[in-house]
Amino acid sequence: MSNMRNENALITNLNIAGVVIAYGMLGISLWLSTDVPLSTKGYWAMGILLLTLSLINVVKYRFDIRQSEDRIRRIEDIRNERMLEDALKEPRSEG
C-alpha cells in the first residue's frame, strides 16, 4: 500500500509541476505578446483559470463517485461474508 501511495504522490507532483510550467509559459507568452490588447490577455487568462477549476471539479466528482462505489462494494462483501458464515453455522436437519 505504501508503494502505491509513493506512486500516487509522484504522479501528483509531476502533474502539479506540469500545471505550474504551463501557467508560467502562458504568463510569459501573454506578457511578451505586444500585438494583443490587455483586455484580450485578461480574457484568455480568465478562460484558462476557469477551465482549470472546471477540470479540478470533474476529477473530484469522479473520485468521489469511485470512492462511494468502493465503499458500497465493501459493505456488500462484508454482508455476503456474514451471510455465508451464518449459513455454515446453522445445523443441518437430516431427514
Protein backbone atom coordinates (compact mmCIF):
# COMPACT_ATOMS: atom_id res chain seq x y z
CA MET A 1 0.00 0.00 0.00
CA SER A 2 2.89 2.35 0.78
CA ASN A 3 4.36 1.76 -2.70
CA MET A 4 1.07 2.79 -4.28
CA ARG A 5 0.98 5.96 -2.16
CA ASN A 6 4.51 6.80 -3.30
CA GLU A 7 3.49 6.29 -6.93
CA ASN A 8 0.39 8.46 -6.45
CA ALA A 9 2.48 11.17 -4.80
CA LEU A 10 4.97 11.06 -7.68
CA ILE A 11 2.23 11.28 -10.30
CA THR A 12 0.53 14.10 -8.39
CA ASN A 13 3.79 16.04 -8.10
CA LEU A 14 4.50 15.58 -11.81
CA ASN A 15 1.03 16.85 -12.68
CA ILE A 16 1.43 19.86 -10.37
CA ALA A 17 4.79 20.64 -11.95
CA GLY A 18 3.23 20.39 -15.41
CA VAL A 19 0.44 22.79 -14.46
CA VAL A 20 2.90 25.27 -12.94
CA ILE A 21 5.09 25.12 -16.05
CA ALA A 22 2.06 25.55 -18.33
CA TYR A 23 0.85 28.56 -16.33
CA GLY A 24 4.36 30.02 -16.38
CA MET A 25 4.61 29.61 -20.14
CA LEU A 26 1.13 31.10 -20.60
CA GLY A 27 2.05 34.05 -18.40
CA ILE A 28 5.29 34.66 -20.30
CA SER A 29 3.53 34.45 -23.67
CA LEU A 30 0.80 36.86 -22.54
CA TRP A 31 3.40 39.22 -21.07
CA LEU A 32 5.60 39.24 -24.17
CA SER A 33 2.86 39.46 -26.81
CA THR A 34 2.69 43.13 -27.72
CA ASP A 35 0.15 42.76 -30.54
CA VAL A 36 -2.63 41.54 -28.24
CA PRO A 37 -4.56 44.13 -26.18
CA LEU A 38 -4.54 43.83 -22.39
CA SER A 39 -8.29 43.12 -22.27
CA THR A 40 -7.84 40.14 -24.59
CA LYS A 41 -4.97 38.86 -22.47
CA GLY A 42 -7.15 39.07 -19.37
CA TYR A 43 -9.96 37.26 -21.16
CA TRP A 44 -7.61 34.42 -22.15
CA ALA A 45 -6.18 34.19 -18.64
CA MET A 46 -9.66 34.04 -17.06
CA GLY A 47 -10.69 31.34 -19.53
CA ILE A 48 -7.66 29.21 -18.69
CA LEU A 49 -8.20 29.63 -14.92
CA LEU A 50 -11.91 28.76 -15.18
CA LEU A 51 -11.10 25.75 -17.35
CA THR A 52 -8.62 24.58 -14.71
CA LEU A 53 -11.22 24.95 -11.94
CA SER A 54 -13.75 23.00 -14.00
CA LEU A 55 -11.28 20.19 -14.61
CA ILE A 56 -10.46 20.01 -10.89
CA ASN A 57 -14.18 19.71 -10.11
CA VAL A 58 -14.68 16.96 -12.71
CA VAL A 59 -11.78 14.96 -11.30
CA LYS A 60 -13.03 15.47 -7.73
CA TYR A 61 -16.56 14.31 -8.57
CA ARG A 62 -15.25 11.25 -10.41
CA PHE A 63 -13.02 10.43 -7.44
CA ASP A 64 -15.97 10.83 -5.05
CA ILE A 65 -18.14 8.53 -7.17
CA ARG A 66 -15.41 5.88 -7.33
CA GLN A 67 -14.87 6.12 -3.58
CA SER A 68 -18.61 5.73 -2.96
CA GLU A 69 -18.79 2.70 -5.25
CA ASP A 70 -15.82 1.12 -3.45
CA ARG A 71 -17.48 1.72 -0.09
CA ILE A 72 -20.74 0.12 -1.28
CA ARG A 73 -18.82 -2.86 -2.71
CA ARG A 74 -17.01 -3.37 0.61
CA ILE A 75 -20.30 -3.24 2.52
CA GLU A 76 -21.82 -5.82 0.16
CA ASP A 77 -18.76 -8.07 0.50
CA ILE A 78 -18.97 -7.94 4.30
CA ARG A 79 -22.70 -8.65 4.19
CA ASN A 80 -22.21 -11.62 1.86
CA GLU A 81 -19.41 -12.97 4.05
CA ARG A 82 -21.60 -12.75 7.16
CA MET A 83 -24.48 -14.46 5.37
CA LEU A 84 -22.14 -17.26 4.32
CA GLU A 85 -20.81 -17.63 7.87
CA ASP A 86 -24.38 -17.76 9.24
CA ALA A 87 -25.36 -20.37 6.68
CA LEU A 88 -22.38 -22.53 7.60
CA LYS A 89 -23.12 -22.23 11.34
CA GLU A 90 -26.74 -23.36 11.05
CA PRO A 91 -27.19 -27.03 11.94
CA ARG A 92 -28.39 -29.20 9.08
CA SER A 93 -31.53 -31.17 9.53
CA GLU A 94 -31.21 -34.75 8.32
CA GLY A 95 -34.19 -36.48 7.10
